[in-house]
């Protein structure tokens, strides 16, 4: 399951929904720069690293090797869940997952400040520098935390190396290597019972024909290789990242589910063709409570962009979509949908991967009538106003992919299941003479 826009699509609720029929939920990339908000029995839970499948006592949760782990935040989440009576015994962490260190956060924040007008809009949580160390082969992994003597040797060298950068490049005070070592040795004691060989566990589950849900953070347009570079994250949220980030072969994955809002949002810098810098954008933000789970930053809001939607279908091989926050549009008399771009006088329907070209794109809209009545109590397609149903069908036809789930609010029961997104028919069976079927 992946985000089909710029992240923040409401994946937490959809993960929670799909976890009811999953034996294992696996997070395969990103770090504490991502966040899931789940509302259960009127209680709002905010998670950054632990999959929301942890709320189901019989569901196992795995943090894969492609994820970067901040032990301090992870332990805070463990404490929070356990204080609410939610068991964390079924949480497992890949021993080869890389660890976010204090110097990663400092370098991330200082680097972003130094960029000035060229800033990317990172969360400042140290994610980029953690992945950079992973690529540079100087990173610390969970298995290193489990080796006290080896950790001391490695961190004494690494912290002094990073201190040179902190002091000479950014003018920041140095870190004390012994304090960092002591802190992370304490973290290792708490996390040790959860650390496993992630790939082996998942392979064993596949052999036993257990149902596994791979969960991506962020969204397709924030992918390091396929997103709106350089305004992207430092990992691969696309569906292909699930294989690399967990150590499973691509033939083991048999379905890809995308999540998209009924409109579009973006956090941070970068081009956004359908952005609304007016009262309509403010209304979408306020009605949709569009503030980041991780940073609290106000999200930029705009109309649904079917160009990036089609791109997400292509890049991820989506079999079906979950559309979230349809209820946010309930009060509107008319709704716009971007069906193409115009760039330098040329009409284009395909997403331009060149960021400079993308920045020059202007949306080409089609206008649909709104329904101007509440959908929050709808629990089946027949309950929806006809205009809302027409809107969903229009999106499905534009992106040439069926819609399997419609979310109409934050609560678990505010959901329409059009078809079983996991066990239902594959995408090819949901088309007849080129016509997209919603049900």
Protein backbone atom coordinates (compact mmCIF):
# COMPACT_ATOMS: atom_id res chain seq x y z
CA UNK A 1 0.00 0.00 0.00
CA UNK A 2 1.50 3.29 -1.11
CA UNK A 3 0.67 6.98 -1.30
CA UNK A 4 -0.33 8.11 -4.79
CA UNK A 5 0.35 11.83 -4.26
CA UNK A 6 2.84 13.80 -2.12
CA UNK A 7 2.17 11.84 1.06
CA UNK A 8 -0.36 12.72 3.79
CA UNK A 9 -3.08 10.88 1.86
CA UNK A 10 -4.60 9.25 4.94
CA UNK A 11 -2.62 6.02 4.68
CA UNK A 12 -2.76 5.50 8.45
CA UNK A 13 -6.49 4.90 8.40
CA UNK A 14 -6.28 2.66 5.33
CA UNK A 15 -3.43 0.67 6.87
CA UNK A 16 -5.52 0.27 10.00
CA UNK A 17 -8.45 -0.91 7.90
CA UNK A 18 -6.41 -3.43 5.87
CA UNK A 19 -4.59 -4.66 8.96
CA UNK A 20 -7.79 -6.36 10.10
CA UNK A 21 -7.20 -9.04 7.47
CA UNK A 22 -3.38 -8.98 7.53
CA UNK A 23 -1.23 -11.39 9.51
CA UNK A 24 1.81 -9.13 9.21
CA UNK A 25 2.21 -5.41 8.44
CA UNK A 26 5.67 -4.31 7.26
CA UNK A 27 6.95 -0.73 7.04
CA UNK A 28 9.62 -0.64 4.32
CA UNK A 29 11.10 2.89 4.10
CA UNK A 30 11.25 6.36 5.60
CA UNK A 31 11.69 7.26 9.23
CA UNK A 32 10.19 9.58 11.82
CA UNK A 33 9.70 12.17 9.07
CA UNK A 34 6.46 10.30 8.33
CA UNK A 35 3.43 10.04 10.52
CA UNK A 36 0.16 8.16 10.73
CA UNK A 37 -2.89 9.45 12.57
CA UNK A 38 -5.48 6.82 13.48
CA UNK A 39 -8.76 7.46 15.30
CA UNK A 40 -9.98 4.47 17.30
CA UNK A 41 -13.06 4.65 19.54
CA UNK A 42 -12.80 8.42 19.56
CA UNK A 43 -9.13 8.36 20.59
CA UNK A 44 -6.51 9.86 18.27
CA UNK A 45 -3.20 7.98 18.05
CA UNK A 46 -0.19 9.44 16.24
CA UNK A 47 2.50 7.00 15.14
CA UNK A 48 5.72 7.72 13.27
CA UNK A 49 7.57 4.40 13.05
CA UNK A 50 5.31 1.64 14.35
CA UNK A 51 2.73 0.41 11.79
CA UNK A 52 -0.84 1.04 12.90
CA UNK A 53 -1.43 -2.71 12.61
CA UNK A 54 -0.07 -2.84 16.17
CA UNK A 55 -3.61 -1.96 17.31
CA UNK A 56 -4.73 -5.49 16.39
CA UNK A 57 -3.47 -8.02 18.97
CA UNK A 58 -3.09 -10.85 16.43
CA UNK A 59 -1.26 -8.78 13.81
CA UNK A 60 2.53 -8.80 13.75
CA UNK A 61 4.31 -5.57 12.79
CA UNK A 62 7.77 -5.34 11.25
CA UNK A 63 9.97 -2.29 10.71
CA UNK A 64 11.99 -3.28 7.64
CA UNK A 65 15.62 -2.75 6.77
CA UNK A 66 14.81 0.11 4.39
CA UNK A 67 13.43 2.16 7.27
CA UNK A 68 15.73 4.40 9.32
CA UNK A 69 15.02 4.13 13.03
CA UNK A 70 15.31 6.86 15.63
CA UNK A 71 15.50 4.76 18.84
CA UNK A 72 14.43 7.60 21.09
CA UNK A 73 11.21 8.25 19.15
CA UNK A 74 10.56 4.52 18.77
CA UNK A 75 10.83 3.96 22.51
CA UNK A 76 8.48 6.90 23.13
CA UNK A 77 5.94 5.22 20.84
CA UNK A 78 6.37 1.90 22.65
CA UNK A 79 5.79 3.63 25.98
CA UNK A 80 2.74 5.47 24.67
CA UNK A 81 1.12 2.31 23.32
CA UNK A 82 1.85 0.28 26.44
CA UNK A 83 0.44 3.06 28.64
CA UNK A 84 -2.81 2.64 26.73
CA UNK A 85 -2.84 -1.10 27.31
CA UNK A 86 -1.78 -1.93 23.74
CA UNK A 87 0.73 -4.78 23.62
CA UNK A 88 3.94 -4.26 21.62
CA UNK A 89 5.13 -7.86 21.89
CA UNK A 90 4.31 -8.37 18.21
CA UNK A 91 6.63 -5.58 17.03
CA UNK A 92 9.83 -6.60 15.25
CA UNK A 93 12.68 -4.47 13.87
CA UNK A 94 15.10 -5.48 11.14
CA UNK A 95 18.63 -5.88 12.47
CA UNK A 96 19.97 -4.26 9.30
CA UNK A 97 17.85 -1.09 9.60
CA UNK A 98 20.00 2.02 9.98
CA UNK A 99 19.83 4.19 13.08
CA UNK A 100 19.30 7.95 13.23
CA UNK A 101 21.89 9.54 15.55
CA UNK A 102 22.00 12.97 17.26
CA UNK A 103 24.49 14.30 14.70
CA UNK A 104 22.11 13.40 11.89
CA UNK A 105 19.42 15.70 13.30
CA UNK A 106 21.89 18.54 13.88
CA UNK A 107 23.34 18.30 10.38
CA UNK A 108 19.87 18.08 8.82
CA UNK A 109 18.67 21.24 10.55
CA UNK A 110 21.87 23.20 9.96
CA UNK A 111 22.05 22.18 6.31
CA UNK A 112 18.45 23.20 5.67
CA UNK A 113 19.04 26.58 7.31
CA UNK A 114 22.21 27.08 5.25
CA UNK A 115 20.27 26.45 2.01
CA UNK A 116 18.24 29.64 2.48
CA UNK A 117 16.02 30.17 -0.57
CA UNK A 118 17.11 26.77 -1.89
CA UNK A 119 15.74 24.87 1.11
CA UNK A 120 13.95 21.60 0.45
CA UNK A 121 11.52 21.72 3.34
CA UNK A 122 12.77 18.74 5.34
CA UNK A 123 11.31 17.85 8.72
CA UNK A 124 14.71 18.36 10.37
CA UNK A 125 14.53 14.86 11.88
CA UNK A 126 17.85 13.68 10.43
CA UNK A 127 16.44 11.35 7.79
CA UNK A 128 18.49 12.55 4.81
CA UNK A 129 21.82 12.44 6.67
CA UNK A 130 20.98 8.95 8.00
CA UNK A 131 20.42 7.66 4.47
CA UNK A 132 23.53 9.55 3.31
CA UNK A 133 25.64 7.67 5.88
CA UNK A 134 24.02 4.44 4.75
CA UNK A 135 25.16 5.12 1.18
CA UNK A 136 28.58 6.31 2.36
CA UNK A 137 28.89 3.06 4.38
CA UNK A 138 29.52 4.86 7.65
CA UNK A 139 26.07 4.23 9.15
CA UNK A 140 25.11 2.58 12.42
CA UNK A 141 22.67 -0.33 12.17
CA UNK A 142 20.45 -1.98 14.78
CA UNK A 143 22.80 -4.95 14.82
CA UNK A 144 25.63 -2.55 15.77
CA UNK A 145 23.57 -1.37 18.75
CA UNK A 146 23.36 -4.97 19.89
CA UNK A 147 27.19 -5.19 20.11
CA UNK A 148 28.24 -2.96 23.07
CA UNK A 149 32.00 -3.13 22.56
CA UNK A 150 31.79 -2.80 18.79
CA UNK A 151 29.41 0.15 19.20
CA UNK A 152 31.89 1.98 21.43
CA UNK A 153 34.67 1.60 18.90
CA UNK A 154 32.50 2.62 15.97
CA UNK A 155 30.87 5.61 17.65
CA UNK A 156 34.08 7.08 19.05
CA UNK A 157 35.41 7.37 15.52
CA UNK A 158 32.09 8.41 13.91
CA UNK A 159 31.12 11.08 16.47
CA UNK A 160 34.55 12.72 16.25
CA UNK A 161 34.29 12.64 12.44
CA UNK A 162 30.86 14.29 12.56
CA UNK A 163 32.07 16.81 15.15
CA UNK A 164 34.53 18.15 12.59
CA UNK A 165 31.59 18.83 10.26
CA UNK A 166 29.43 20.33 13.00
CA UNK A 167 32.17 22.66 14.22
CA UNK A 168 34.00 23.67 11.05
CA UNK A 169 31.15 23.75 8.55
CA UNK A 170 28.20 24.80 10.68
CA UNK A 171 29.80 26.44 13.73
CA UNK A 172 27.97 24.17 16.15
CA UNK A 173 29.30 22.79 19.46
CA UNK A 174 30.65 19.21 19.32
CA UNK A 175 28.89 16.16 20.72
CA UNK A 176 30.44 14.17 23.55
CA UNK A 177 31.14 10.67 22.16
CA UNK A 178 30.88 9.01 25.58
CA UNK A 179 27.46 10.56 26.23
CA UNK A 180 26.19 9.39 22.84
CA UNK A 181 27.54 5.88 23.49
CA UNK A 182 25.89 5.69 26.92
CA UNK A 183 22.55 6.92 25.58
CA UNK A 184 22.45 4.45 22.68
CA UNK A 185 23.56 1.53 24.82
CA UNK A 186 20.50 2.18 26.97
CA UNK A 187 18.35 2.28 23.84
CA UNK A 188 19.78 -1.07 22.76
CA UNK A 189 18.69 -2.75 26.00
CA UNK A 190 15.08 -1.71 25.44
CA UNK A 191 14.98 -2.64 21.76
CA UNK A 192 16.96 -5.90 21.88
CA UNK A 193 13.89 -8.20 22.29
CA UNK A 194 12.39 -6.77 19.09
CA UNK A 195 15.40 -7.07 16.74
CA UNK A 196 15.23 -9.85 14.14
CA UNK A 197 16.26 -10.92 10.63
CA UNK A 198 13.44 -9.19 8.75
CA UNK A 199 13.87 -10.92 5.39
CA UNK A 200 13.89 -14.39 6.97
CA UNK A 201 10.73 -13.70 8.96
CA UNK A 202 8.84 -12.43 5.92
CA UNK A 203 10.04 -15.30 3.70
CA UNK A 204 8.88 -17.79 6.31
CA UNK A 205 5.49 -16.05 6.41
CA UNK A 206 5.22 -16.22 2.62
CA UNK A 207 6.00 -19.93 2.68
CA UNK A 208 3.20 -20.43 5.20
CA UNK A 209 0.86 -18.41 2.93
CA UNK A 210 0.25 -15.73 5.52
CA UNK A 211 -1.24 -12.42 4.42
CA UNK A 212 1.40 -9.64 4.45
CA UNK A 213 0.73 -5.92 4.00
CA UNK A 214 3.73 -3.81 2.96
CA UNK A 215 3.26 -0.21 4.02
CA UNK A 216 5.03 2.74 2.42
CA UNK A 217 5.47 6.13 4.06
CA UNK A 218 5.29 9.50 2.26
CA UNK A 219 4.06 9.24 -1.35
CA UNK A 220 4.97 8.56 -4.97
CA UNK A 221 5.83 12.18 -5.84
CA UNK A 222 8.31 12.26 -2.94
CA UNK A 223 10.25 9.23 -4.22
CA UNK A 224 13.99 9.84 -4.41
CA UNK A 225 14.24 8.50 -7.97
CA UNK A 226 10.75 9.09 -9.38
CA UNK A 227 9.44 12.12 -7.49
CA UNK A 228 9.71 15.89 -7.94
CA UNK A 229 13.48 15.91 -7.32
CA UNK A 230 15.10 17.66 -5.48
CA UNK A 231 11.95 18.29 -3.43
CA UNK A 232 11.70 14.65 -2.38
CA UNK A 233 12.42 12.38 0.54
CA UNK A 234 15.61 10.31 0.83
CA UNK A 235 14.11 6.88 0.17
CA UNK A 236 11.81 5.05 -2.25
CA UNK A 237 8.12 5.14 -1.22
CA UNK A 238 7.04 3.60 -4.55
CA UNK A 239 5.86 0.00 -4.67
CA UNK A 240 9.23 -1.29 -5.88
CA UNK A 241 10.78 0.01 -2.65
CA UNK A 242 8.92 -2.70 -0.73
CA UNK A 243 11.22 -5.37 -2.16
CA UNK A 244 14.45 -3.52 -1.44
CA UNK A 245 13.29 -2.27 1.94
CA UNK A 246 12.29 -5.67 3.30
CA UNK A 247 14.41 -8.22 1.46
CA UNK A 248 11.69 -10.02 -0.49
CA UNK A 249 11.55 -10.84 -4.18
CA UNK A 250 9.11 -9.00 -6.48
CA UNK A 251 7.27 -12.20 -7.37
CA UNK A 252 6.06 -12.42 -3.78
CA UNK A 253 3.94 -9.26 -4.16
CA UNK A 254 0.61 -9.88 -5.86
CA UNK A 255 -1.34 -6.63 -5.37
CA UNK A 256 -0.58 -2.90 -5.12
CA UNK A 257 -3.06 -0.52 -3.51
CA UNK A 258 -2.71 3.25 -3.89
CA UNK A 259 -4.12 5.88 -1.54
CA UNK A 260 -5.13 9.34 -2.76
CA UNK A 261 -7.11 12.20 -1.30
CA UNK A 262 -10.19 13.49 -3.11
CA UNK A 263 -8.12 16.66 -3.54
CA UNK A 264 -4.35 17.23 -3.37
CA UNK A 265 -2.01 18.43 -0.62
CA UNK A 266 1.71 18.97 -0.30
CA UNK A 267 4.05 19.80 2.59
CA UNK A 268 7.35 21.59 2.09
CA UNK A 269 8.83 23.26 -0.96
CA UNK A 270 8.47 22.44 -4.64
CA UNK A 271 6.08 22.93 -7.59
CA UNK A 272 2.38 22.24 -7.08
CA UNK A 273 0.32 23.03 -10.23
CA UNK A 274 -3.17 22.80 -8.67
CA UNK A 275 -2.28 24.70 -5.47
CA UNK A 276 -4.96 27.13 -4.29
CA UNK A 277 -3.53 30.24 -2.66
CA UNK A 278 -6.95 31.67 -1.89
CA UNK A 279 -9.97 31.22 0.34
CA UNK A 280 -10.78 27.89 -1.32
CA UNK A 281 -7.34 26.55 -0.38
CA UNK A 282 -7.90 27.78 3.18
CA UNK A 283 -11.31 26.09 3.28
CA UNK A 284 -9.87 22.74 2.16
CA UNK A 285 -7.11 23.05 4.76
CA UNK A 286 -9.52 23.88 7.57
CA UNK A 287 -12.18 21.29 6.68
CA UNK A 288 -9.55 18.61 6.11
CA UNK A 289 -7.50 19.52 9.23
CA UNK A 290 -4.47 19.65 6.97
CA UNK A 291 -1.64 19.91 9.44
CA UNK A 292 1.30 17.47 9.40
CA UNK A 293 1.35 14.63 11.94
CA UNK A 294 5.12 14.93 12.32
CA UNK A 295 5.77 18.68 12.12
CA UNK A 296 2.38 20.30 12.60
CA UNK A 297 3.08 22.35 9.46
CA UNK A 298 0.10 23.62 7.49
CA UNK A 299 -0.28 21.66 4.28
CA UNK A 300 -0.60 23.35 0.92
CA UNK A 301 -3.96 22.42 -0.66
CA UNK A 302 -5.28 22.24 -4.20
CA UNK A 303 -7.64 20.46 -6.56
CA UNK A 304 -7.25 16.78 -7.49
CA UNK A 305 -4.46 16.29 -10.03
CA UNK A 306 -5.17 13.35 -12.33
CA UNK A 307 -1.85 13.83 -14.16
CA UNK A 308 0.15 12.84 -11.10
CA UNK A 309 -2.55 10.26 -10.39
CA UNK A 310 -1.94 8.54 -13.73
CA UNK A 311 1.80 8.76 -13.11
CA UNK A 312 1.36 7.02 -9.74
CA UNK A 313 -0.68 4.27 -11.41
CA UNK A 314 2.11 3.73 -13.95
CA UNK A 315 5.10 3.94 -11.58
CA UNK A 316 3.56 1.65 -8.97
CA UNK A 317 1.47 -0.67 -11.12
CA UNK A 318 -1.59 0.13 -9.01
CA UNK A 319 -4.37 -2.46 -8.98
CA UNK A 320 -6.87 -0.27 -7.15
CA UNK A 321 -7.25 2.99 -5.24
CA UNK A 322 -8.48 4.10 -1.86
CA UNK A 323 -9.91 7.63 -2.03
CA UNK A 324 -9.84 9.48 1.28
CA UNK A 325 -11.45 12.66 2.65
CA UNK A 326 -14.28 12.77 0.12
CA UNK A 327 -16.36 14.42 2.85
CA UNK A 328 -14.10 17.50 2.78
CA UNK A 329 -15.72 18.41 -0.57
CA UNK A 330 -19.29 18.09 0.76
CA UNK A 331 -20.06 21.83 0.89
CA UNK A 332 -18.75 22.81 -2.56
CA UNK A 333 -21.07 23.89 -5.38
CA UNK A 334 -18.51 22.87 -8.00
CA UNK A 335 -15.27 20.89 -7.97
CA UNK A 336 -12.34 21.18 -10.33
CA UNK A 337 -10.15 18.29 -11.48
CA UNK A 338 -6.86 18.78 -13.30
CA UNK A 339 -7.00 16.51 -16.38
CA UNK A 340 -3.86 17.78 -18.17
CA UNK A 341 -1.15 20.44 -18.05
CA UNK A 342 -0.25 23.30 -20.33
CA UNK A 343 3.45 24.06 -20.50
CA UNK A 344 4.78 26.87 -22.71
CA UNK A 345 1.64 26.67 -24.82
CA UNK A 346 1.84 22.87 -25.25
CA UNK A 347 -0.92 20.60 -23.96
CA UNK A 348 0.46 17.55 -22.12
CA UNK A 349 -1.19 14.71 -20.25
CA UNK A 350 1.95 13.04 -18.92
CA UNK A 351 3.87 14.02 -15.81
CA UNK A 352 7.21 15.74 -16.64
CA UNK A 353 9.98 14.30 -14.49
CA UNK A 354 12.16 17.37 -15.12
CA UNK A 355 11.50 19.62 -12.11
CA UNK A 356 12.18 22.79 -14.10
CA UNK A 357 9.57 21.77 -16.67
CA UNK A 358 7.14 20.77 -13.96
CA UNK A 359 7.46 24.20 -12.34
CA UNK A 360 6.18 25.75 -15.60
CA UNK A 361 3.10 23.54 -15.83
CA UNK A 362 -0.34 25.07 -15.50
CA UNK A 363 -3.41 22.93 -14.81
CA UNK A 364 -6.11 22.26 -17.39
CA UNK A 365 -9.35 21.78 -15.47
CA UNK A 366 -12.68 20.10 -15.94
CA UNK A 367 -15.42 21.32 -13.63
CA UNK A 368 -17.87 18.91 -12.01
CA UNK A 369 -20.98 19.80 -10.00
CA UNK A 370 -20.72 19.37 -6.24
CA UNK A 371 -23.29 17.59 -4.10
CA UNK A 372 -23.62 20.11 -1.25
CA UNK A 373 -24.79 17.58 1.31
CA UNK A 374 -23.08 15.54 3.97
CA UNK A 375 -21.54 12.17 3.11
CA UNK A 376 -20.09 11.41 6.55
CA UNK A 377 -22.85 8.92 7.38
CA UNK A 378 -22.75 7.08 4.03
CA UNK A 379 -21.72 3.44 4.37
CA UNK A 380 -22.37 2.12 0.85
CA UNK A 381 -22.24 3.48 -2.69
CA UNK A 382 -26.03 3.72 -2.87
CA UNK A 383 -25.95 6.09 0.13
CA UNK A 384 -23.80 8.61 -1.75
CA UNK A 385 -25.33 11.59 -3.54
CA UNK A 386 -25.30 10.97 -7.31
CA UNK A 387 -22.89 13.87 -7.87
CA UNK A 388 -20.41 12.33 -5.39
CA UNK A 389 -20.69 8.97 -7.13
CA UNK A 390 -20.15 10.68 -10.48
CA UNK A 391 -17.05 12.39 -9.10
CA UNK A 392 -15.54 9.08 -8.00
CA UNK A 393 -16.33 7.47 -11.35
CA UNK A 394 -14.72 10.41 -13.14
CA UNK A 395 -11.51 9.98 -11.13
CA UNK A 396 -11.45 6.23 -11.75
CA UNK A 397 -11.89 6.69 -15.50
CA UNK A 398 -9.25 9.40 -15.70
CA UNK A 399 -6.66 7.23 -13.95
CA UNK A 400 -7.85 3.96 -15.49
CA UNK A 401 -7.83 2.17 -12.15
CA UNK A 402 -10.80 1.07 -10.01
CA UNK A 403 -11.64 2.56 -6.63
CA UNK A 404 -11.94 -0.10 -3.94
CA UNK A 405 -12.27 2.04 -0.78
CA UNK A 406 -13.84 5.42 -0.07
CA UNK A 407 -13.10 7.16 3.24
CA UNK A 408 -15.55 9.76 4.55
CA UNK A 409 -13.97 10.76 7.85
CA UNK A 410 -11.29 9.85 10.35
CA UNK A 411 -13.21 7.17 12.27
CA UNK A 412 -12.86 3.49 11.34
CA UNK A 413 -16.54 3.08 10.43
CA UNK A 414 -16.64 6.14 8.16
CA UNK A 415 -15.66 3.99 5.21
CA UNK A 416 -17.23 2.44 2.14
CA UNK A 417 -15.69 -0.84 1.00
CA UNK A 418 -16.51 -1.09 -2.69
CA UNK A 419 -14.67 -4.39 -3.06
CA UNK A 420 -12.22 -6.42 -1.01
CA UNK A 421 -8.98 -4.58 -1.85
CA UNK A 422 -6.84 -7.55 -0.87
CA UNK A 423 -8.75 -10.59 -2.07
CA UNK A 424 -10.93 -9.00 -4.76
CA UNK A 425 -10.37 -9.44 -8.51
CA UNK A 426 -7.23 -8.02 -10.08
CA UNK A 427 -7.31 -4.77 -12.01
CA UNK A 428 -7.57 -6.45 -15.44
CA UNK A 429 -10.86 -8.04 -14.41
CA UNK A 430 -12.37 -4.69 -13.43
CA UNK A 431 -12.56 -3.32 -16.96
CA UNK A 432 -15.13 -4.07 -19.60
CA UNK A 433 -14.75 -2.58 -23.09
CA UNK A 434 -12.51 0.13 -21.67
CA UNK A 435 -15.06 1.24 -19.09
CA UNK A 436 -13.82 1.53 -15.52
CA UNK A 437 -16.04 -0.15 -12.97
CA UNK A 438 -16.34 1.39 -9.53
CA UNK A 439 -17.88 -1.70 -7.97
